[in-house]
Protein backbone atom coordinates (compact mmCIF):
# COMPACT_ATOMS: atom_id res chain seq x y z
CA MET A 1 0.00 0.00 0.00
CA THR A 2 1.32 3.46 -0.86
CA SER A 3 2.32 5.47 2.20
CA PRO A 4 0.89 8.95 2.90
CA GLU A 5 4.35 10.44 2.31
CA THR A 6 4.40 9.29 -1.31
CA SER A 7 0.71 9.27 -2.21
CA TRP A 8 0.70 12.93 -3.23
CA ASP A 9 2.82 12.16 -6.30
CA ASP A 10 0.32 9.69 -7.77
CA GLY A 11 -3.06 10.76 -6.56
CA VAL A 12 -5.96 13.18 -6.42
CA LEU A 13 -6.87 15.38 -3.46
CA PRO A 14 -10.49 16.65 -3.31
CA PHE A 15 -11.36 19.97 -1.66
CA GLN A 16 -14.29 22.34 -1.24
CA LEU A 17 -14.59 26.10 -0.86
CA ASP A 18 -17.88 26.56 0.97
CA ARG A 19 -17.62 30.35 1.07
CA CYS A 20 -17.76 30.58 -2.71
CA ASP A 21 -19.81 27.40 -3.41
CA VAL A 22 -16.97 25.80 -5.37
CA ARG A 23 -15.54 22.29 -5.27
CA GLY A 24 -12.26 21.14 -6.74
CA ARG A 25 -9.59 18.53 -7.25
CA VAL A 26 -5.81 18.82 -7.38
CA ALA A 27 -3.80 15.96 -8.86
CA ARG A 28 -0.24 14.93 -9.45
CA LEU A 29 1.16 12.02 -11.47
CA ASP A 30 4.71 10.77 -11.85
CA GLY A 31 5.16 6.99 -11.41
CA VAL A 32 1.84 6.29 -13.13
CA LEU A 33 2.76 8.63 -15.97
CA GLU A 34 6.16 7.02 -16.40
CA ARG A 35 4.52 3.59 -16.64
CA ILE A 36 2.03 4.86 -19.23
CA LEU A 37 4.73 6.44 -21.38
CA ALA A 38 7.14 3.53 -20.98
CA GLN A 39 4.87 1.24 -23.02
CA HIS A 40 5.77 3.08 -26.24
CA ARG A 41 8.55 5.34 -27.45
CA TYR A 42 6.34 8.35 -27.99
CA PRO A 43 7.64 11.64 -29.43
CA GLY A 44 7.69 14.52 -26.96
CA VAL A 45 4.56 16.13 -28.38
CA ILE A 46 2.59 12.90 -27.78
CA GLU A 47 3.98 12.48 -24.27
CA GLY A 48 2.80 15.98 -23.36
CA LEU A 49 -0.72 15.39 -24.69
CA LEU A 50 -0.98 12.04 -22.90
CA ALA A 51 0.16 13.66 -19.65
CA GLU A 52 -2.59 16.30 -19.92
CA ALA A 53 -5.23 13.71 -20.83
CA ALA A 54 -4.21 11.51 -17.89
CA LEU A 55 -4.50 14.45 -15.48
CA LEU A 56 -7.98 15.34 -16.75
CA THR A 57 -9.10 11.73 -16.48
CA ALA A 58 -7.74 11.33 -12.95
CA MET A 59 -9.54 14.43 -11.66
CA MET A 60 -12.83 13.71 -13.43
CA GLY A 61 -12.79 10.02 -12.52
CA GLN A 62 -12.26 10.76 -8.82
CA MET A 63 -14.97 13.43 -8.79
CA ILE A 64 -17.73 11.20 -10.17
CA ASP A 65 -19.53 8.62 -8.04
CA LEU A 66 -17.93 5.87 -10.09
CA ARG A 67 -18.37 2.13 -9.58
CA TRP A 68 -16.20 0.93 -12.45
CA LYS A 69 -14.66 2.92 -15.31
CA LEU A 70 -14.46 6.43 -16.76
CA SER A 71 -12.83 6.84 -20.17
CA LEU A 72 -11.67 9.92 -22.03
CA GLN A 73 -11.33 9.70 -25.81
CA VAL A 74 -9.97 12.41 -28.09
CA ARG A 75 -10.19 11.80 -31.83
CA GLY A 76 -9.01 14.14 -34.56
CA ASN A 77 -8.22 14.36 -38.25
CA GLY A 78 -4.66 15.59 -37.69
CA PRO A 79 -1.44 13.63 -37.14
CA VAL A 80 -2.66 12.70 -33.63
CA ARG A 81 -5.55 10.35 -34.38
CA ILE A 82 -6.53 9.00 -30.95
CA ILE A 83 -5.79 9.75 -27.32
CA ALA A 84 -7.47 7.26 -24.98
CA THR A 85 -7.36 7.06 -21.19
CA ASP A 86 -9.17 4.89 -18.64
CA TYR A 87 -9.70 5.45 -14.91
CA TYR A 88 -10.83 2.44 -12.87
CA ALA A 89 -12.48 3.22 -9.55
CA PRO A 90 -11.14 1.45 -6.43
CA ALA A 91 -12.78 -1.92 -5.86
CA LYS A 92 -12.94 -1.21 -2.12
CA ALA A 93 -12.53 1.76 0.20
CA ASN A 94 -8.91 2.82 0.83
CA GLU A 95 -7.66 0.90 -2.22
CA PRO A 96 -5.86 2.60 -5.14
CA ALA A 97 -7.63 3.60 -8.32
CA ARG A 98 -5.99 2.42 -11.55
CA MET A 99 -5.17 4.25 -14.78
CA ARG A 100 -3.98 3.45 -18.27
CA ALA A 101 -3.58 5.47 -21.50
CA TYR A 102 -2.27 5.32 -25.05
CA ALA A 103 -2.12 7.39 -28.24
CA SER A 104 -2.29 6.59 -31.96
CA PHE A 105 -0.63 8.97 -34.41
CA ASP A 106 0.80 9.33 -37.89
CA LYS A 107 4.54 9.69 -37.36
CA GLU A 108 5.15 10.96 -40.88
CA ARG A 109 2.76 13.89 -40.46
CA LEU A 110 3.74 14.78 -36.87
CA ALA A 111 5.56 18.10 -36.36
CA ASP A 112 7.52 18.14 -33.10
CA ASP A 113 7.98 21.91 -33.24
CA SER A 114 4.25 22.65 -33.52
CA VAL A 115 1.75 23.43 -30.77
CA PRO A 116 0.79 19.96 -29.46
CA PHE A 117 -2.97 20.54 -29.46
CA ALA A 118 -2.85 21.71 -33.09
CA GLN A 119 -1.57 18.25 -34.06
CA ILE A 120 -4.99 16.76 -33.24
CA GLY A 121 -6.79 18.87 -35.83
CA GLN A 122 -10.57 18.95 -35.89
CA GLY A 123 -12.37 16.33 -33.88
CA TYR A 124 -14.19 15.60 -30.68
CA PHE A 125 -13.70 15.20 -26.94
CA ALA A 126 -15.73 12.36 -25.41
CA ILE A 127 -16.34 11.11 -21.88
CA LEU A 128 -17.60 7.55 -21.50
CA MET A 129 -18.78 6.27 -18.14
CA ASP A 130 -19.43 2.58 -17.51
CA GLN A 131 -20.80 1.62 -14.10
CA GLY A 132 -20.47 -2.10 -14.80
CA LYS A 133 -22.94 -4.93 -15.22
CA GLY A 134 -26.60 -4.02 -15.03
CA SER A 135 -26.17 -0.40 -16.12
CA GLU A 136 -26.26 1.45 -19.43
CA PRO A 137 -22.97 3.17 -20.38
CA TYR A 138 -23.12 6.98 -20.62
CA GLN A 139 -21.39 8.98 -23.34
CA GLY A 140 -21.00 12.74 -23.59
CA VAL A 141 -19.38 14.29 -26.66
CA THR A 142 -18.32 17.83 -27.51
CA ALA A 143 -16.20 19.31 -30.29
CA LEU A 144 -12.54 20.02 -29.60
CA SER A 145 -12.24 23.75 -28.88
CA GLY A 146 -10.36 26.49 -27.12
CA GLY A 147 -6.86 25.52 -28.20
CA SER A 148 -6.18 22.89 -25.50
CA LEU A 149 -7.44 19.68 -23.94
CA ALA A 150 -8.21 21.64 -20.76
CA ALA A 151 -10.40 24.09 -22.68
CA SER A 152 -12.17 21.20 -24.41
CA ALA A 153 -12.87 19.63 -21.00
CA GLU A 154 -14.29 22.95 -19.79
CA ALA A 155 -16.56 23.05 -22.85
CA TYR A 156 -17.70 19.50 -22.13
CA PHE A 157 -18.86 20.44 -18.61
CA ALA A 158 -20.50 23.64 -19.86
CA HIS A 159 -22.50 21.74 -22.49
CA SER A 160 -23.15 18.38 -20.82
CA GLU A 161 -23.40 19.31 -17.14
CA GLN A 162 -24.20 23.07 -17.32
CA LEU A 163 -21.61 23.63 -14.59
CA PRO A 164 -18.88 26.30 -14.93
CA THR A 165 -15.54 24.48 -14.66
CA ARG A 166 -11.89 25.51 -14.94
CA PHE A 167 -8.73 23.42 -15.36
CA ARG A 168 -5.04 24.30 -15.05
CA LEU A 169 -2.56 21.64 -16.20
CA ALA A 170 1.23 21.43 -16.29
CA ALA A 171 3.59 18.64 -17.32
CA GLY A 172 7.24 18.15 -18.16
CA ARG A 173 10.41 16.20 -17.43
CA SER A 174 11.75 16.69 -13.92
CA HIS A 175 15.53 16.97 -13.53
CA LEU A 176 16.26 16.45 -9.83
CA PRO A 177 19.88 16.18 -8.60
CA GLY A 178 21.11 12.59 -8.55
CA ARG A 179 18.02 11.23 -10.32
CA PRO A 180 17.29 10.38 -13.95
CA PRO A 181 14.80 12.68 -15.73
CA VAL A 182 11.21 11.57 -15.19
CA TRP A 183 7.87 12.87 -16.36
CA ARG A 184 5.80 14.69 -13.78
CA ALA A 185 2.40 16.26 -14.24
CA GLY A 186 0.14 18.31 -12.01
CA GLY A 187 -3.28 19.83 -12.41
CA ILE A 188 -6.09 21.52 -10.59
CA MET A 189 -9.77 21.95 -11.37
CA ILE A 190 -12.52 24.04 -9.80
CA GLN A 191 -16.22 23.72 -10.46
CA GLN A 192 -19.22 25.68 -9.29
CA MET A 193 -21.48 23.62 -7.06
CA PRO A 194 -24.91 22.58 -8.42
CA LYS A 195 -27.75 24.94 -7.52
CA GLY A 196 -29.36 22.43 -5.19
CA SER A 197 -26.29 22.03 -2.96
CA ASP A 198 -26.09 23.59 0.52
CA PRO A 199 -23.21 25.97 -0.37
CA ALA A 200 -25.15 27.20 -3.44
CA ARG A 201 -28.29 27.84 -1.38
CA LYS A 202 -26.27 29.77 1.19
CA ALA A 203 -24.74 31.89 -1.58
CA GLY A 204 -28.25 33.13 -2.40
CA THR A 205 -28.73 35.07 -5.60
CA ASP A 206 -27.29 34.31 -9.03
CA GLU A 207 -25.34 37.57 -8.75
CA ASN A 208 -23.68 36.37 -5.54
CA ARG A 209 -22.85 33.06 -7.16
CA PHE A 210 -21.33 34.80 -10.18
CA GLU A 211 -19.15 36.97 -7.90
CA ASN A 212 -18.07 33.89 -5.93
CA TRP A 213 -17.10 32.09 -9.14
CA GLN A 214 -15.13 35.09 -10.39
CA ARG A 215 -13.23 35.30 -7.10
CA ALA A 216 -12.31 31.59 -7.21
CA ASN A 217 -11.08 32.03 -10.79
CA LEU A 218 -8.88 34.99 -9.86
CA LEU A 219 -7.27 32.90 -7.13
CA LEU A 220 -6.79 29.94 -9.47
CA ASP A 221 -5.02 32.17 -11.99
CA THR A 222 -2.22 32.83 -9.48
CA VAL A 223 -0.95 29.22 -9.60
CA ASP A 224 2.20 28.55 -11.62
CA ASP A 225 3.38 25.39 -13.35
CA LEU A 226 6.13 24.57 -10.84
CA GLU A 227 3.62 24.65 -7.99
CA LEU A 228 1.41 22.19 -9.84
CA VAL A 229 4.16 19.81 -10.90
CA GLY A 230 6.07 19.95 -7.59
CA PRO A 231 7.79 18.46 -5.72
CA ARG A 232 8.49 21.42 -3.42
CA LEU A 233 4.80 21.88 -2.56
CA GLY A 234 2.59 18.98 -1.57
CA LEU A 235 -0.97 18.93 -2.81
CA PRO A 236 -2.45 20.27 0.47
CA GLU A 237 0.02 23.17 0.36
CA VAL A 238 -1.05 24.00 -3.22
CA ILE A 239 -4.68 24.27 -2.10
CA TYR A 240 -3.92 26.40 0.93
CA ARG A 241 -1.52 28.64 -0.98
CA LEU A 242 -4.24 29.42 -3.49
CA PHE A 243 -7.42 29.41 -1.43
CA HIS A 244 -6.53 30.00 2.25
CA GLU A 245 -8.79 33.07 2.36
CA GLU A 246 -11.74 30.83 1.45
CA VAL A 247 -10.98 28.39 4.32
CA PRO A 248 -10.84 25.25 2.14
CA ARG A 249 -12.02 21.89 3.38
CA VAL A 250 -9.77 19.04 2.25
CA PHE A 251 -10.98 15.45 1.97
CA PRO A 252 -9.05 12.15 2.00
CA PRO A 253 -6.78 11.64 -1.05
CA GLN A 254 -7.24 8.99 -3.70
CA VAL A 255 -4.05 7.10 -4.53
CA ILE A 256 -3.65 6.08 -8.18
CA GLU A 257 -1.62 3.22 -9.67
CA PHE A 258 -0.97 2.07 -13.22
CA GLY A 259 -3.29 -0.78 -14.13
CA CYS A 260 -4.73 -2.52 -17.18
CA SER A 261 -7.87 -4.64 -17.50
CA CYS A 262 -6.78 -6.60 -20.57
CA SER A 263 -6.86 -10.42 -20.47
CA ALA A 264 -6.87 -13.38 -22.81
CA ALA A 265 -10.57 -13.86 -22.10
CA ARG A 266 -11.37 -10.26 -23.12
CA VAL A 267 -9.39 -10.59 -26.36
CA ARG A 268 -11.13 -13.87 -27.11
CA GLU A 269 -14.52 -12.24 -26.51
CA SER A 270 -13.68 -9.37 -28.89
CA LEU A 271 -12.85 -11.93 -31.61
CA SER A 272 -16.02 -13.95 -31.07
CA ILE A 273 -17.92 -11.91 -33.70
CA TYR A 274 -15.69 -13.13 -36.56
CA SER A 275 -16.21 -16.09 -38.87
CA ALA A 276 -13.69 -18.87 -39.42
CA LYS A 277 -12.76 -17.22 -42.74
CA ASP A 278 -12.06 -13.91 -40.97
CA ILE A 279 -9.99 -15.69 -38.32
CA GLY A 280 -8.06 -17.36 -41.12
CA HIS A 281 -7.03 -13.95 -42.48
CA MET A 282 -5.73 -13.04 -39.00
CA THR A 283 -3.68 -16.24 -38.64
CA THR A 284 0.10 -15.90 -39.00
CA ASP A 285 2.42 -18.18 -40.98
CA ALA A 286 3.21 -19.84 -37.65
CA GLY A 287 -0.43 -20.92 -37.36
CA ILE A 288 -1.44 -18.66 -34.48
CA VAL A 289 -3.48 -15.51 -33.98
CA THR A 290 -1.71 -12.78 -32.03
CA ALA A 291 -2.93 -9.65 -30.27
CA ASP A 292 -1.12 -6.88 -28.42
CA CYS A 293 -2.60 -4.55 -25.82
CA GLN A 294 -1.99 -0.91 -26.79
CA PHE A 295 -2.25 0.15 -23.13
CA CYS A 296 0.14 -2.19 -21.32
CA GLY A 297 2.03 -3.98 -24.10
CA ALA A 298 0.79 -7.49 -23.16
CA HIS A 299 1.14 -10.00 -26.01
CA TYR A 300 -1.40 -12.80 -26.53
CA GLU A 301 -1.27 -15.88 -28.77
CA PHE A 302 -4.26 -18.09 -29.65
CA ASP A 303 -5.05 -21.29 -31.52
CA PRO A 304 -7.23 -20.01 -34.42
CA GLU A 305 -9.51 -23.08 -34.17
CA THR A 306 -10.65 -21.84 -30.74
CA LEU A 307 -11.65 -18.37 -31.98
CA GLY A 308 -14.74 -16.85 -33.55
CA PHE A 309 -18.37 -17.93 -33.54
CA GLU A 310 -17.52 -21.02 -35.63
CA ALA A 311 -14.81 -22.29 -33.26
CA THR A 312 -14.19 -26.03 -33.57
CA LYS A 313 -12.06 -26.47 -30.45
CA GLU A 314 -12.31 -25.44 -26.83
CA PRO A 315 -9.55 -23.13 -25.56
CA SER A 316 -6.98 -24.76 -23.30
CA GLY A 317 -4.07 -22.78 -21.89
CA GLU A 318 -3.61 -19.20 -23.08
CA ARG A 319 -0.16 -17.87 -23.94
CA ARG A 320 0.77 -14.37 -22.94
């Protein structure tokens, strides 16, 4: 189990500003981010976009009353085709949440010296929430806008939830004395409370609520990238540095670990829709069907006669 001394570097810390009817999350990722990026040799522009997407997913996933999985998907018509992240809620109280992420891109069209967000082109920003068996998955989609993933996330909340929301994100390679360079990322979000909440009712009029929201935004704008990324300030210190005048309430942190849900059974299930002829086209010269997980790099090998809806043999042992 991760100790409290280290949990701030891979986790999310919730807080609430009752005086201005605002709630928020502050997050920091380093070990999780390194594991995500270690699966592929991504160019720097892709690493930066994945870091931002992972931060957004961590904060949104922790904020929602989630029983299983929240996914963020960004798709565009530029060199960066797909950015996909998953946040898995803890199975039990006091257990870590899990995260994974990957990106698909056209290396030949990618320009390392360009603004990273511009490499996505036109496309959409989607949130998919799956509460597990017995529930219908939810999907909210909005167009990419505002020149950043953070701005697109703000637009998503404005359109889908009708709640004013702000994000500040920072990411980069940390060069600490005596240590190899590692990716670190930090972010913070604030969101106006729903009208039916106690802090919103105490705020009274819409004019009061607008003034409260403006004040919280002015305070948020004073944060700098080094404060978000750390490590000199812990996450509680970031909150108090920004919002001490609002007397913030801080809640227990959520530790996050790298984790993937892939398995041989899941791959087999995804191939069950194919005919024997289709499976034949997937079979290698060695007489096997292979599959690789884009998220964690796991490699699977199958007997083609055990795959598809026309399978003639029962699966025995799976090779990974």
